[in-house]
């Protein structure tokens, strides 16, 4: 199976749920800071987050006020209880271009991206089973019937 179709880790899903639970407060902090464009990069973007992963954001400041990135990360930490790293556009490269280079996902699109990746992962897994690319070793029980007594 392709690496791009990797199922998001449990920690990636946990962090995504955390973002969703605090979305309104996170957006308020980012808007108050003059951040106009937000991309998630790093382990959360590619679905490989671990328990110690930070949420890495690549942002564009309205006024190019990069000095407050650490303060913004601290505010987001206080809201969510997890660590953030704020990186800003630099060198004239657009946030979208830099994010694409880093495998990023727009904050607004992260949930849909995870859903599409999970669906593609399971479609590819089903195809691989049908084509005999996997060998079952030992008992395997899937679904509600797994709880039935024999």
Protein backbone atom coordinates (compact mmCIF):
# COMPACT_ATOMS: atom_id res chain seq x y z
CA UNK A 1 0.00 0.00 0.00
CA UNK A 2 1.12 3.52 -0.75
CA UNK A 3 2.58 5.71 2.03
CA UNK A 4 0.13 8.47 1.03
CA UNK A 5 -2.72 6.16 1.96
CA UNK A 6 -1.43 5.57 5.48
CA UNK A 7 -4.23 5.58 8.02
CA UNK A 8 -3.86 8.58 10.38
CA UNK A 9 -2.38 7.63 13.74
CA UNK A 10 -4.52 7.66 16.87
CA UNK A 11 -2.58 10.70 18.05
CA UNK A 12 -3.29 12.51 14.77
CA UNK A 13 -6.99 11.84 15.22
CA UNK A 14 -6.79 12.98 18.86
CA UNK A 15 -5.14 16.27 17.84
CA UNK A 16 -7.68 16.78 15.05
CA UNK A 17 -10.50 16.26 17.56
CA UNK A 18 -8.80 18.76 19.87
CA UNK A 19 -8.68 21.36 17.08
CA UNK A 20 -12.36 20.76 16.31
CA UNK A 21 -13.36 21.06 19.97
CA UNK A 22 -11.60 24.42 20.31
CA UNK A 23 -12.07 25.69 16.76
CA UNK A 24 -13.93 28.88 17.67
CA UNK A 25 -11.38 29.93 20.30
CA UNK A 26 -8.44 29.04 18.04
CA UNK A 27 -9.89 31.09 15.17
CA UNK A 28 -10.46 34.04 17.52
CA UNK A 29 -6.82 34.02 18.67
CA UNK A 30 -5.55 33.76 15.09
CA UNK A 31 -7.85 36.53 13.85
CA UNK A 32 -6.91 38.84 16.74
CA UNK A 33 -3.25 38.31 15.82
CA UNK A 34 -3.91 39.40 12.24
CA UNK A 35 -3.29 35.96 10.77
CA UNK A 36 -4.97 35.70 7.38
CA UNK A 37 -3.90 32.30 6.07
CA UNK A 38 -3.37 29.12 8.14
CA UNK A 39 -1.96 25.78 7.03
CA UNK A 40 -1.22 22.74 9.17
CA UNK A 41 2.17 21.22 8.37
CA UNK A 42 4.29 18.50 9.91
CA UNK A 43 3.10 15.26 11.52
CA UNK A 44 -0.52 16.33 11.95
CA UNK A 45 -0.80 17.27 8.27
CA UNK A 46 0.50 13.91 7.08
CA UNK A 47 -1.32 11.88 9.74
CA UNK A 48 1.81 10.63 11.53
CA UNK A 49 1.50 12.53 14.84
CA UNK A 50 2.85 10.85 17.97
CA UNK A 51 1.94 11.53 21.64
CA UNK A 52 4.66 14.21 21.88
CA UNK A 53 3.90 15.92 18.55
CA UNK A 54 3.26 19.64 18.40
CA UNK A 55 0.67 21.20 16.11
CA UNK A 56 2.73 23.01 13.48
CA UNK A 57 1.04 25.95 11.79
CA UNK A 58 2.34 27.87 8.80
CA UNK A 59 0.69 31.29 8.80
CA UNK A 60 0.58 34.64 7.03
CA UNK A 61 0.43 37.71 9.23
CA UNK A 62 -1.62 40.61 7.92
CA UNK A 63 1.01 43.11 9.10
CA UNK A 64 4.02 40.73 9.05
CA UNK A 65 4.15 40.86 12.85
CA UNK A 66 6.32 37.76 13.30
CA UNK A 67 7.45 38.80 16.77
CA UNK A 68 4.24 37.57 18.36
CA UNK A 69 4.41 33.98 17.10
CA UNK A 70 5.56 32.62 20.48
CA UNK A 71 2.78 34.52 22.28
CA UNK A 72 0.19 33.12 19.88
CA UNK A 73 1.54 29.59 20.36
CA UNK A 74 1.29 30.07 24.15
CA UNK A 75 -2.31 31.31 23.89
CA UNK A 76 -3.24 28.29 21.77
CA UNK A 77 -1.51 26.00 24.28
CA UNK A 78 -3.54 27.53 27.11
CA UNK A 79 -6.76 26.92 25.18
CA UNK A 80 -6.04 23.36 24.06
CA UNK A 81 -3.46 21.97 26.48
CA UNK A 82 -1.16 20.95 23.62
CA UNK A 83 1.92 22.56 22.11
CA UNK A 84 1.85 24.65 18.96
CA UNK A 85 4.67 25.88 16.76
CA UNK A 86 3.91 28.95 14.62
CA UNK A 87 5.96 29.46 11.48
CA UNK A 88 5.35 32.39 9.19
CA UNK A 89 5.84 33.02 5.51
CA UNK A 90 9.29 34.25 4.62
CA UNK A 91 11.50 34.91 1.66
CA UNK A 92 8.61 36.08 -0.51
CA UNK A 93 7.26 32.55 -0.92
CA UNK A 94 3.50 32.40 -0.47
CA UNK A 95 2.14 30.46 2.48
CA UNK A 96 0.31 28.18 0.06
CA UNK A 97 3.50 27.43 -1.88
CA UNK A 98 5.55 26.84 1.26
CA UNK A 99 2.81 24.65 2.69
CA UNK A 100 2.55 22.59 -0.49
CA UNK A 101 6.30 22.08 -0.36
CA UNK A 102 5.95 20.84 3.24
CA UNK A 103 2.89 18.66 2.57
CA UNK A 104 0.55 21.01 4.40
CA UNK A 105 -3.22 21.10 4.60
CA UNK A 106 -5.35 24.24 5.04
CA UNK A 107 -6.80 24.45 8.54
CA UNK A 108 -10.27 24.67 6.97
CA UNK A 109 -9.69 21.43 5.04
CA UNK A 110 -7.98 19.17 7.58
CA UNK A 111 -11.12 17.21 8.63
CA UNK A 112 -12.14 16.57 5.02
CA UNK A 113 -8.57 15.59 4.15
CA UNK A 114 -8.47 13.02 6.98
CA UNK A 115 -11.83 11.60 5.92
CA UNK A 116 -10.66 11.25 2.32
CA UNK A 117 -7.37 9.64 3.40
CA UNK A 118 -9.16 7.16 5.65
CA UNK A 119 -11.61 6.24 2.90
CA UNK A 120 -8.78 5.82 0.37
CA UNK A 121 -6.79 3.78 2.91
CA UNK A 122 -9.64 1.33 3.47
CA UNK A 123 -10.45 1.16 -0.26
CA UNK A 124 -6.80 0.30 -0.97
CA UNK A 125 -6.75 -2.21 1.88
CA UNK A 126 -9.89 -3.92 0.48
CA UNK A 127 -8.38 -3.99 -3.01
CA UNK A 128 -5.17 -5.52 -1.65
CA UNK A 129 -7.11 -8.27 0.17
CA UNK A 130 -9.16 -9.02 -2.96
CA UNK A 131 -5.98 -9.29 -5.03
CA UNK A 132 -4.38 -11.67 -2.55
CA UNK A 133 -1.64 -9.24 -1.53
CA UNK A 134 -2.17 -10.13 2.13
CA UNK A 135 -2.08 -13.52 3.77
CA UNK A 136 -4.21 -14.16 6.82
CA UNK A 137 -2.27 -15.91 9.55
CA UNK A 138 -4.35 -17.33 12.38
CA UNK A 139 -7.94 -16.53 13.28
CA UNK A 140 -9.37 -13.29 12.03
CA UNK A 141 -12.78 -11.99 12.99
CA UNK A 142 -14.16 -8.70 11.74
CA UNK A 143 -17.29 -6.85 12.77
CA UNK A 144 -20.18 -7.65 15.11
CA UNK A 145 -19.91 -11.39 14.51
CA UNK A 146 -16.57 -11.34 16.31
CA UNK A 147 -18.45 -11.28 19.63
CA UNK A 148 -20.51 -14.40 18.86
CA UNK A 149 -19.76 -17.57 20.75
CA UNK A 150 -18.73 -20.54 18.65
